[in-house]
Amino acid sequence: MQIRRYEGGTSQPTLDVIRRLAIALGVSADMLVFDEKEREPSDTLRYQFETISRMPEHEQNMVRDLLDAVIVKNQVAGAIERVNKPAAKEIKSTRTRGGA
């Protein structure tokens, strides 16, 4: 009965339920939560990762450092954008109410 609610979208399983279902079904929790290939890299990235894995360790470390830097830069830019959006909405609503 509860599974029917999950499938129908009227109820959401807790993390503990997802974990227990994954164990009972012998699959990863990712298989229960994400669509097929939703969390996998594209074929191009997969090929690049395989190529990098054959590089000497010091070159792999350089690539990891570069990837980390780009990821952090992207996350910071996203955080700044999210912080600024409410401020932009407030300015717009102030203007429409006869403010500045």
N, C-alpha and C. Protein backbone atom coordinates (compact mmCIF):
# COMPACT_ATOMS: atom_id res chain seq x y z
N MET A 1 0.82 -1.19 0.00
CA MET A 1 0.00 0.00 0.00
C MET A 1 0.87 1.26 0.00
N GLN A 2 1.87 1.31 0.86
CA GLN A 2 2.74 2.48 0.93
C GLN A 2 3.53 2.64 -0.37
N ILE A 3 3.99 1.53 -0.94
CA ILE A 3 4.73 1.60 -2.21
C ILE A 3 3.86 2.27 -3.27
N ARG A 4 2.58 1.97 -3.27
CA ARG A 4 1.65 2.57 -4.23
C ARG A 4 1.63 4.09 -4.06
N ARG A 5 1.69 4.57 -2.82
CA ARG A 5 1.71 6.02 -2.57
C ARG A 5 3.01 6.63 -3.10
N TYR A 6 4.12 5.92 -2.91
CA TYR A 6 5.41 6.41 -3.42
C TYR A 6 5.34 6.51 -4.94
N GLU A 7 4.86 5.45 -5.57
CA GLU A 7 4.78 5.43 -7.04
C GLU A 7 3.81 6.47 -7.56
N GLY A 8 2.75 6.74 -6.83
CA GLY A 8 1.76 7.71 -7.26
C GLY A 8 2.14 9.15 -6.96
N GLY A 9 3.22 9.32 -6.19
CA GLY A 9 3.68 10.66 -5.88
C GLY A 9 2.92 11.33 -4.75
N THR A 10 2.10 10.57 -4.02
CA THR A 10 1.34 11.16 -2.92
C THR A 10 2.12 11.10 -1.61
N SER A 11 3.21 10.37 -1.59
CA SER A 11 4.04 10.25 -0.40
C SER A 11 5.49 10.09 -0.83
N GLN A 12 6.42 10.53 0.02
CA GLN A 12 7.84 10.41 -0.27
C GLN A 12 8.50 9.55 0.80
N PRO A 13 9.31 8.55 0.39
CA PRO A 13 9.98 7.72 1.38
C PRO A 13 11.08 8.49 2.10
N THR A 14 11.32 8.14 3.35
CA THR A 14 12.43 8.74 4.08
C THR A 14 13.74 8.14 3.59
N LEU A 15 14.83 8.76 3.95
CA LEU A 15 16.14 8.24 3.57
C LEU A 15 16.34 6.83 4.11
N ASP A 16 15.88 6.59 5.34
CA ASP A 16 16.01 5.26 5.93
C ASP A 16 15.22 4.22 5.12
N VAL A 17 14.04 4.58 4.65
CA VAL A 17 13.24 3.66 3.83
C VAL A 17 13.94 3.38 2.51
N ILE A 18 14.49 4.41 1.89
CA ILE A 18 15.23 4.22 0.63
C ILE A 18 16.40 3.28 0.86
N ARG A 19 17.12 3.48 1.95
CA ARG A 19 18.27 2.62 2.27
C ARG A 19 17.82 1.17 2.45
N ARG A 20 16.75 0.95 3.22
CA ARG A 20 16.26 -0.41 3.46
C ARG A 20 15.74 -1.06 2.17
N LEU A 21 15.06 -0.28 1.33
CA LEU A 21 14.59 -0.81 0.05
C LEU A 21 15.77 -1.22 -0.84
N ALA A 22 16.79 -0.38 -0.88
CA ALA A 22 17.96 -0.68 -1.70
C ALA A 22 18.62 -1.98 -1.23
N ILE A 23 18.75 -2.14 0.07
CA ILE A 23 19.35 -3.37 0.61
C ILE A 23 18.48 -4.57 0.27
N ALA A 24 17.17 -4.45 0.48
CA ALA A 24 16.25 -5.56 0.22
C ALA A 24 16.25 -5.96 -1.26
N LEU A 25 16.36 -4.95 -2.15
CA LEU A 25 16.33 -5.23 -3.59
C LEU A 25 17.71 -5.54 -4.16
N GLY A 26 18.75 -5.33 -3.36
CA GLY A 26 20.11 -5.61 -3.83
C GLY A 26 20.58 -4.63 -4.89
N VAL A 27 20.16 -3.36 -4.75
CA VAL A 27 20.57 -2.32 -5.70
C VAL A 27 21.10 -1.13 -4.90
N SER A 28 21.68 -0.17 -5.60
CA SER A 28 22.13 1.04 -4.93
C SER A 28 20.94 1.98 -4.73
N ALA A 29 21.05 2.84 -3.74
CA ALA A 29 20.01 3.84 -3.52
C ALA A 29 19.90 4.76 -4.73
N ASP A 30 21.02 5.01 -5.42
CA ASP A 30 20.98 5.83 -6.63
C ASP A 30 20.02 5.25 -7.66
N MET A 31 19.99 3.92 -7.79
CA MET A 31 19.10 3.29 -8.77
C MET A 31 17.64 3.55 -8.43
N LEU A 32 17.34 3.69 -7.15
CA LEU A 32 15.96 3.94 -6.73
C LEU A 32 15.57 5.41 -6.90
N VAL A 33 16.54 6.30 -6.78
CA VAL A 33 16.27 7.73 -6.73
C VAL A 33 16.42 8.42 -8.09
N PHE A 34 17.45 8.04 -8.83
CA PHE A 34 17.78 8.76 -10.07
C PHE A 34 17.39 7.96 -11.31
N ASP A 35 17.10 8.69 -12.39
CA ASP A 35 16.86 8.05 -13.67
C ASP A 35 18.16 7.44 -14.18
N GLU A 36 18.03 6.50 -15.11
CA GLU A 36 19.20 5.84 -15.68
C GLU A 36 20.14 6.88 -16.30
N LYS A 37 21.38 6.79 -15.97
CA LYS A 37 22.46 7.66 -16.47
C LYS A 37 22.33 9.11 -16.03
N GLU A 38 21.42 9.42 -15.11
CA GLU A 38 21.26 10.80 -14.65
C GLU A 38 22.49 11.30 -13.91
N ARG A 39 23.18 10.39 -13.22
CA ARG A 39 24.34 10.79 -12.43
C ARG A 39 25.66 10.38 -13.08
N GLU A 40 25.62 9.90 -14.29
CA GLU A 40 26.83 9.46 -14.95
C GLU A 40 27.36 10.57 -15.86
N PRO A 41 28.69 10.60 -16.03
CA PRO A 41 29.25 11.60 -16.95
C PRO A 41 28.90 11.25 -18.39
N SER A 42 28.96 12.26 -19.24
CA SER A 42 28.72 12.03 -20.66
C SER A 42 29.83 11.13 -21.21
N ASP A 43 29.61 10.60 -22.38
CA ASP A 43 30.62 9.72 -23.00
C ASP A 43 31.93 10.47 -23.20
N THR A 44 31.86 11.75 -23.55
CA THR A 44 33.07 12.55 -23.75
C THR A 44 33.84 12.67 -22.44
N LEU A 45 33.14 13.02 -21.37
CA LEU A 45 33.82 13.13 -20.07
C LEU A 45 34.35 11.78 -19.61
N ARG A 46 33.59 10.72 -19.83
CA ARG A 46 34.06 9.38 -19.44
C ARG A 46 35.38 9.05 -20.15
N TYR A 47 35.45 9.35 -21.45
CA TYR A 47 36.68 9.11 -22.21
C TYR A 47 37.83 9.96 -21.64
N GLN A 48 37.53 11.22 -21.33
CA GLN A 48 38.57 12.08 -20.76
C GLN A 48 39.04 11.57 -19.41
N PHE A 49 38.12 11.12 -18.56
CA PHE A 49 38.49 10.58 -17.26
C PHE A 49 39.35 9.33 -17.41
N GLU A 50 38.99 8.47 -18.37
CA GLU A 50 39.78 7.26 -18.61
C GLU A 50 41.19 7.63 -19.07
N THR A 51 41.29 8.63 -19.92
CA THR A 51 42.60 9.08 -20.41
C THR A 51 43.42 9.65 -19.26
N ILE A 52 42.79 10.45 -18.43
CA ILE A 52 43.48 11.05 -17.28
C ILE A 52 43.94 9.96 -16.32
N SER A 53 43.15 8.92 -16.16
CA SER A 53 43.53 7.85 -15.22
C SER A 53 44.79 7.11 -15.65
N ARG A 54 45.17 7.23 -16.91
CA ARG A 54 46.41 6.60 -17.39
C ARG A 54 47.62 7.53 -17.32
N MET A 55 47.39 8.76 -16.92
CA MET A 55 48.49 9.73 -16.80
C MET A 55 49.28 9.45 -15.53
N PRO A 56 50.51 9.98 -15.49
CA PRO A 56 51.28 9.87 -14.24
C PRO A 56 50.52 10.56 -13.10
N GLU A 57 50.77 10.10 -11.89
CA GLU A 57 50.02 10.59 -10.73
C GLU A 57 50.11 12.10 -10.55
N HIS A 58 51.29 12.68 -10.79
CA HIS A 58 51.41 14.13 -10.59
C HIS A 58 50.56 14.91 -11.60
N GLU A 59 50.41 14.37 -12.81
CA GLU A 59 49.54 15.04 -13.79
C GLU A 59 48.07 14.85 -13.43
N GLN A 60 47.70 13.68 -12.90
CA GLN A 60 46.34 13.47 -12.43
C GLN A 60 46.00 14.46 -11.31
N ASN A 61 46.95 14.68 -10.42
CA ASN A 61 46.74 15.64 -9.33
C ASN A 61 46.54 17.05 -9.86
N MET A 62 47.30 17.42 -10.90
CA MET A 62 47.13 18.75 -11.50
C MET A 62 45.72 18.90 -12.09
N VAL A 63 45.27 17.85 -12.78
CA VAL A 63 43.94 17.89 -13.38
C VAL A 63 42.88 17.98 -12.29
N ARG A 64 43.04 17.21 -11.20
CA ARG A 64 42.08 17.27 -10.08
C ARG A 64 42.04 18.67 -9.48
N ASP A 65 43.23 19.26 -9.29
CA ASP A 65 43.28 20.62 -8.74
C ASP A 65 42.57 21.61 -9.65
N LEU A 66 42.77 21.47 -10.94
CA LEU A 66 42.12 22.36 -11.90
C LEU A 66 40.61 22.16 -11.88
N LEU A 67 40.17 20.90 -11.87
CA LEU A 67 38.73 20.62 -11.79
C LEU A 67 38.13 21.17 -10.51
N ASP A 68 38.82 20.97 -9.38
CA ASP A 68 38.34 21.50 -8.10
C ASP A 68 38.17 23.01 -8.17
N ALA A 69 39.15 23.69 -8.77
CA ALA A 69 39.09 25.15 -8.86
C ALA A 69 37.90 25.60 -9.71
N VAL A 70 37.66 24.93 -10.83
CA VAL A 70 36.55 25.29 -11.70
C VAL A 70 35.22 24.99 -11.01
N ILE A 71 35.13 23.86 -10.31
CA ILE A 71 33.91 23.51 -9.60
C ILE A 71 33.61 24.54 -8.51
N VAL A 72 34.62 24.89 -7.72
CA VAL A 72 34.42 25.89 -6.65
C VAL A 72 34.01 27.22 -7.25
N LYS A 73 34.66 27.63 -8.33
CA LYS A 73 34.31 28.90 -8.99
C LYS A 73 32.85 28.88 -9.41
N ASN A 74 32.40 27.77 -9.99
CA ASN A 74 31.01 27.64 -10.43
C ASN A 74 30.05 27.67 -9.25
N GLN A 75 30.40 26.98 -8.16
CA GLN A 75 29.54 26.95 -6.98
C GLN A 75 29.43 28.34 -6.35
N VAL A 76 30.54 29.06 -6.29
CA VAL A 76 30.53 30.40 -5.71
C VAL A 76 29.68 31.33 -6.58
N ALA A 77 29.85 31.24 -7.90
CA ALA A 77 29.06 32.08 -8.80
C ALA A 77 27.57 31.78 -8.63
N GLY A 78 27.21 30.50 -8.49
CA GLY A 78 25.81 30.14 -8.28
C GLY A 78 25.28 30.66 -6.96
N ALA A 79 26.10 30.58 -5.92
CA ALA A 79 25.69 31.07 -4.60
C ALA A 79 25.48 32.57 -4.64
N ILE A 80 26.38 33.28 -5.29
CA ILE A 80 26.25 34.74 -5.40
C ILE A 80 24.98 35.09 -6.17
N GLU A 81 24.71 34.35 -7.23
CA GLU A 81 23.51 34.60 -8.03
C GLU A 81 22.25 34.38 -7.19
N ARG A 82 22.23 33.30 -6.39
CA ARG A 82 21.07 33.02 -5.55
C ARG A 82 20.88 34.10 -4.49
N VAL A 83 21.98 34.59 -3.94
CA VAL A 83 21.89 35.64 -2.92
C VAL A 83 21.38 36.94 -3.53
N ASN A 84 21.82 37.25 -4.73
CA ASN A 84 21.44 38.51 -5.38
C ASN A 84 20.03 38.49 -5.94
N LYS A 85 19.46 37.35 -6.24
CA LYS A 85 18.11 37.29 -6.82
C LYS A 85 17.07 37.90 -5.89
N PRO A 86 17.02 37.54 -4.61
CA PRO A 86 16.02 38.17 -3.75
C PRO A 86 16.19 39.69 -3.68
N ALA A 87 17.43 40.16 -3.67
CA ALA A 87 17.67 41.60 -3.63
C ALA A 87 17.14 42.26 -4.89
N ALA A 88 17.33 41.64 -6.03
CA ALA A 88 16.83 42.20 -7.28
C ALA A 88 15.31 42.21 -7.29
N LYS A 89 14.67 41.15 -6.75
CA LYS A 89 13.21 41.12 -6.69
C LYS A 89 12.69 42.22 -5.77
N GLU A 90 13.38 42.45 -4.65
CA GLU A 90 12.97 43.47 -3.69
C GLU A 90 13.06 44.86 -4.33
N ILE A 91 14.12 45.11 -5.07
CA ILE A 91 14.27 46.41 -5.74
C ILE A 91 13.14 46.60 -6.74
N LYS A 92 12.83 45.54 -7.50
CA LYS A 92 11.77 45.63 -8.51
C LYS A 92 10.42 45.88 -7.84
N SER A 93 10.13 45.15 -6.75
CA SER A 93 8.84 45.34 -6.09
C SER A 93 8.74 46.70 -5.44
N THR A 94 9.85 47.26 -4.94
CA THR A 94 9.86 48.60 -4.37
C THR A 94 9.52 49.63 -5.44
N ARG A 95 10.09 49.44 -6.62
CA ARG A 95 9.83 50.37 -7.73
C ARG A 95 8.39 50.31 -8.18
N THR A 96 7.80 49.11 -8.18
CA THR A 96 6.42 49.00 -8.64
C THR A 96 5.43 49.52 -7.60
N ARG A 97 5.86 49.61 -6.33
CA ARG A 97 4.97 50.14 -5.29
C ARG A 97 5.12 51.65 -5.14
N GLY A 98 5.91 52.27 -5.99
CA GLY A 98 6.05 53.73 -5.93
C GLY A 98 7.26 54.17 -5.13
N GLY A 99 8.18 53.25 -4.86
CA GLY A 99 9.40 53.59 -4.13
C GLY A 99 10.38 54.27 -5.06
N ALA A 100 11.67 54.00 -4.87
CA ALA A 100 12.74 54.66 -5.62
C ALA A 100 12.57 54.65 -7.09
